[in-house]
Amino acid sequence: MAGSQGKVAIVNCSGAGVGKPAGLALLANGWKMAIAGRRKEPLEHDA
């Protein structure tokens, strides 16, 4: 993802489902991320 330097993404459903791999892909490409989801435990595990 060219030009992702300094970008911030807000990823919903990031504890499971499509949000988790999408968030991991963004992190791998240099994005900063805020995560959100319904269940606290998966978010704490991945944070």
N, C-alpha and C. Protein backbone atom coordinates (compact mmCIF):
# COMPACT_ATOMS: atom_id res chain seq x y z
N MET A 1 0.84 -1.17 0.00
CA MET A 1 0.00 0.00 0.00
C MET A 1 0.88 1.24 0.00
N ALA A 2 1.19 1.69 -1.13
CA ALA A 2 2.05 2.86 -1.26
C ALA A 2 1.38 4.07 -0.65
N GLY A 3 2.16 4.90 0.01
CA GLY A 3 1.63 6.11 0.59
C GLY A 3 0.86 5.92 1.88
N SER A 4 1.09 4.80 2.58
CA SER A 4 0.35 4.56 3.81
C SER A 4 1.04 5.16 5.03
N GLN A 5 2.17 5.81 4.84
CA GLN A 5 2.92 6.42 5.93
C GLN A 5 2.08 7.48 6.64
N GLY A 6 1.93 7.35 7.96
CA GLY A 6 1.17 8.33 8.73
C GLY A 6 -0.34 8.16 8.67
N LYS A 7 -0.83 7.12 8.05
CA LYS A 7 -2.27 6.90 7.93
C LYS A 7 -2.77 6.17 9.18
N VAL A 8 -4.01 6.44 9.56
CA VAL A 8 -4.66 5.80 10.70
C VAL A 8 -5.97 5.19 10.23
N ALA A 9 -6.21 3.92 10.62
CA ALA A 9 -7.45 3.23 10.26
C ALA A 9 -8.22 2.90 11.53
N ILE A 10 -9.54 3.00 11.48
CA ILE A 10 -10.40 2.52 12.54
C ILE A 10 -11.05 1.25 12.01
N VAL A 11 -10.75 0.13 12.68
CA VAL A 11 -11.23 -1.17 12.19
C VAL A 11 -12.26 -1.71 13.17
N ASN A 12 -13.49 -1.87 12.70
CA ASN A 12 -14.55 -2.46 13.50
C ASN A 12 -14.54 -3.97 13.33
N CYS A 13 -15.05 -4.68 14.30
CA CYS A 13 -15.07 -6.16 14.29
C CYS A 13 -13.66 -6.71 14.21
N SER A 14 -12.71 -6.05 14.85
CA SER A 14 -11.33 -6.47 14.70
C SER A 14 -10.92 -7.60 15.62
N GLY A 15 -11.83 -8.09 16.47
CA GLY A 15 -11.52 -9.24 17.30
C GLY A 15 -11.74 -10.55 16.59
N ALA A 16 -12.50 -10.55 15.51
CA ALA A 16 -12.83 -11.76 14.76
C ALA A 16 -13.35 -11.36 13.38
N GLY A 17 -13.77 -12.34 12.61
CA GLY A 17 -14.34 -12.06 11.30
C GLY A 17 -13.35 -11.40 10.35
N VAL A 18 -13.85 -10.64 9.40
CA VAL A 18 -12.99 -10.03 8.39
C VAL A 18 -12.20 -8.85 8.93
N GLY A 19 -12.62 -8.28 10.05
CA GLY A 19 -11.91 -7.14 10.61
C GLY A 19 -10.51 -7.49 11.08
N LYS A 20 -10.34 -8.68 11.64
CA LYS A 20 -9.03 -9.07 12.16
C LYS A 20 -7.98 -9.19 11.05
N PRO A 21 -8.20 -9.98 10.00
CA PRO A 21 -7.18 -10.04 8.95
C PRO A 21 -7.00 -8.72 8.21
N ALA A 22 -8.07 -7.95 8.09
CA ALA A 22 -7.94 -6.64 7.44
C ALA A 22 -7.04 -5.73 8.27
N GLY A 23 -7.24 -5.74 9.57
CA GLY A 23 -6.40 -4.94 10.46
C GLY A 23 -4.96 -5.39 10.44
N LEU A 24 -4.73 -6.69 10.44
CA LEU A 24 -3.36 -7.21 10.39
C LEU A 24 -2.67 -6.81 9.08
N ALA A 25 -3.41 -6.81 7.99
CA ALA A 25 -2.84 -6.38 6.71
C ALA A 25 -2.46 -4.91 6.74
N LEU A 26 -3.31 -4.10 7.35
CA LEU A 26 -3.00 -2.67 7.46
C LEU A 26 -1.76 -2.46 8.31
N LEU A 27 -1.67 -3.16 9.45
CA LEU A 27 -0.49 -3.03 10.31
C LEU A 27 0.78 -3.44 9.57
N ALA A 28 0.70 -4.52 8.80
CA ALA A 28 1.86 -5.01 8.06
C ALA A 28 2.33 -4.00 7.02
N ASN A 29 1.43 -3.11 6.62
CA ASN A 29 1.77 -2.10 5.61
C ASN A 29 2.01 -0.72 6.21
N GLY A 30 2.25 -0.67 7.53
CA GLY A 30 2.67 0.58 8.15
C GLY A 30 1.57 1.48 8.68
N TRP A 31 0.32 1.04 8.63
CA TRP A 31 -0.77 1.87 9.14
C TRP A 31 -0.80 1.80 10.67
N LYS A 32 -1.27 2.87 11.29
CA LYS A 32 -1.62 2.85 12.70
C LYS A 32 -3.09 2.50 12.78
N MET A 33 -3.51 1.91 13.90
CA MET A 33 -4.85 1.39 13.93
C MET A 33 -5.54 1.60 15.27
N ALA A 34 -6.82 1.89 15.22
CA ALA A 34 -7.70 1.86 16.38
C ALA A 34 -8.65 0.69 16.15
N ILE A 35 -8.83 -0.15 17.17
CA ILE A 35 -9.69 -1.32 16.99
C ILE A 35 -10.98 -1.17 17.78
N ALA A 36 -12.04 -1.80 17.28
CA ALA A 36 -13.34 -1.77 17.94
C ALA A 36 -14.04 -3.10 17.73
N GLY A 37 -14.87 -3.48 18.68
CA GLY A 37 -15.63 -4.71 18.56
C GLY A 37 -16.59 -4.85 19.73
N ARG A 38 -17.44 -5.86 19.66
CA ARG A 38 -18.44 -6.07 20.70
C ARG A 38 -17.86 -6.71 21.95
N ARG A 39 -16.94 -7.65 21.77
CA ARG A 39 -16.42 -8.42 22.90
C ARG A 39 -15.03 -7.92 23.31
N LYS A 40 -14.88 -7.64 24.58
CA LYS A 40 -13.64 -7.07 25.12
C LYS A 40 -12.47 -8.05 25.05
N GLU A 41 -12.70 -9.31 25.34
CA GLU A 41 -11.60 -10.28 25.44
C GLU A 41 -10.80 -10.44 24.15
N PRO A 42 -11.43 -10.64 22.99
CA PRO A 42 -10.62 -10.77 21.76
C PRO A 42 -9.82 -9.50 21.45
N LEU A 43 -10.39 -8.34 21.76
CA LEU A 43 -9.68 -7.09 21.51
C LEU A 43 -8.47 -6.95 22.41
N GLU A 44 -8.63 -7.31 23.69
CA GLU A 44 -7.50 -7.25 24.61
C GLU A 44 -6.40 -8.23 24.21
N HIS A 45 -6.79 -9.38 23.72
CA HIS A 45 -5.82 -10.40 23.29
C HIS A 45 -4.99 -9.89 22.11
N ASP A 46 -5.62 -9.20 21.19
CA ASP A 46 -4.94 -8.76 19.97
C ASP A 46 -4.26 -7.40 20.10
N ALA A 47 -4.60 -6.66 21.15
CA ALA A 47 -4.05 -5.30 21.29
C ALA A 47 -2.60 -5.30 21.61
